[in-house]
Amino acid sequence: MIRADEILAAAGDAERGDLVATQMGVININPANSTATSWDGQNDMTIVHVVYEVE
């Protein structure tokens, strides 16, 4: 919410409206030539995608 408000303020003082949708997942970030898999649990990043209406 805070990040969305900061983006809207920088874009011309629009206001955040209602929450429309959310999604969450995990992405695995590995060094080049690595054989690690997401099952190893190393360098996992949680990605959250949130959609708000803009007023």
C-alpha atoms as a PDB file:
ATOM      1  CA  MET A   1       0.000   0.000   0.000  1.00  0.00           C
ATOM      2  CA  ILE A   2       2.746   2.429   0.923  1.00  0.00           C
ATOM      3  CA  ARG A   3       4.666   1.752  -2.295  1.00  0.00           C
ATOM      4  CA  ALA A   4       1.507   2.182  -4.385  1.00  0.00           C
ATOM      5  CA  ASP A   5       0.824   5.524  -2.683  1.00  0.00           C
ATOM      6  CA  GLU A   6       4.412   6.675  -3.372  1.00  0.00           C
ATOM      7  CA  ILE A   7       4.112   5.762  -7.065  1.00  0.00           C
ATOM      8  CA  LEU A   8       0.794   7.577  -7.384  1.00  0.00           C
ATOM      9  CA  ALA A   9       2.137  10.684  -5.643  1.00  0.00           C
ATOM     10  CA  ALA A  10       5.084  10.802  -8.054  1.00  0.00           C
ATOM     11  CA  ALA A  11       2.711  10.341 -11.003  1.00  0.00           C
ATOM     12  CA  GLY A  12       0.652  13.427 -10.211  1.00  0.00           C
ATOM     13  CA  ASP A  13      -1.063  12.993  -6.865  1.00  0.00           C
ATOM     14  CA  ALA A  14      -3.622  10.398  -7.959  1.00  0.00           C
ATOM     15  CA  GLU A  15      -5.185   8.428  -5.122  1.00  0.00           C
ATOM     16  CA  ARG A  16      -5.239   4.705  -4.503  1.00  0.00           C
ATOM     17  CA  GLY A  17      -8.681   3.193  -4.804  1.00  0.00           C
ATOM     18  CA  ASP A  18     -10.018  -0.203  -3.827  1.00  0.00           C
ATOM     19  CA  LEU A  19      -7.935  -3.379  -3.913  1.00  0.00           C
ATOM     20  CA  VAL A  20      -8.787  -5.271  -7.110  1.00  0.00           C
ATOM     21  CA  ALA A  21      -6.577  -8.385  -7.135  1.00  0.00           C
ATOM     22  CA  THR A  22      -3.509 -10.019  -5.585  1.00  0.00           C
ATOM     23  CA  GLN A  23      -1.140 -12.793  -6.640  1.00  0.00           C
ATOM     24  CA  MET A  24       1.835 -14.335  -4.877  1.00  0.00           C
ATOM     25  CA  GLY A  25       4.556 -16.705  -5.993  1.00  0.00           C
ATOM     26  CA  VAL A  26       8.165 -17.716  -5.428  1.00  0.00           C
ATOM     27  CA  ILE A  27      11.072 -17.207  -7.791  1.00  0.00           C
ATOM     28  CA  ASN A  28      14.445 -18.880  -7.362  1.00  0.00           C
ATOM     29  CA  ILE A  29      17.532 -16.788  -8.165  1.00  0.00           C
ATOM     30  CA  ASN A  30      20.708 -18.780  -8.777  1.00  0.00           C
ATOM     31  CA  PRO A  31      24.233 -17.939  -9.936  1.00  0.00           C
ATOM     32  CA  ALA A  32      25.174 -18.731 -13.536  1.00  0.00           C
ATOM     33  CA  ASN A  33      25.693 -22.454 -14.225  1.00  0.00           C
ATOM     34  CA  SER A  34      24.090 -23.450 -10.921  1.00  0.00           C
ATOM     35  CA  THR A  35      22.251 -26.766 -10.644  1.00  0.00           C
ATOM     36  CA  ALA A  36      20.261 -25.747  -7.552  1.00  0.00           C
ATOM     37  CA  THR A  37      16.488 -26.157  -7.734  1.00  0.00           C
ATOM     38  CA  SER A  38      13.682 -24.372  -5.932  1.00  0.00           C
ATOM     39  CA  TRP A  39      13.385 -27.423  -3.674  1.00  0.00           C
ATOM     40  CA  ASP A  40      16.776 -26.496  -2.207  1.00  0.00           C
ATOM     41  CA  GLY A  41      15.230 -23.350  -0.731  1.00  0.00           C
ATOM     42  CA  GLN A  42      18.259 -21.193  -1.471  1.00  0.00           C
ATOM     43  CA  ASN A  43      17.891 -17.629  -2.698  1.00  0.00           C
ATOM     44  CA  ASP A  44      14.106 -17.892  -2.932  1.00  0.00           C
ATOM     45  CA  MET A  45      12.334 -14.563  -3.346  1.00  0.00           C
ATOM     46  CA  THR A  46       8.634 -14.084  -2.703  1.00  0.00           C
ATOM     47  CA  ILE A  47       6.973 -12.015  -5.406  1.00  0.00           C
ATOM     48  CA  VAL A  48       3.719 -10.207  -4.622  1.00  0.00           C
ATOM     49  CA  HIS A  49       1.603  -8.558  -7.339  1.00  0.00           C
ATOM     50  CA  VAL A  50      -1.143  -6.235  -6.108  1.00  0.00           C
ATOM     51  CA  VAL A  51      -3.648  -4.336  -8.275  1.00  0.00           C
ATOM     52  CA  TYR A  52      -5.493  -1.257  -7.017  1.00  0.00           C
ATOM     53  CA  GLU A  53      -8.006   1.008  -8.691  1.00  0.00           C
ATOM     54  CA  VAL A  54      -6.737   4.543  -9.305  1.00  0.00           C
ATOM     55  CA  GLU A  55      -8.932   7.536  -8.533  1.00  0.00           C
END
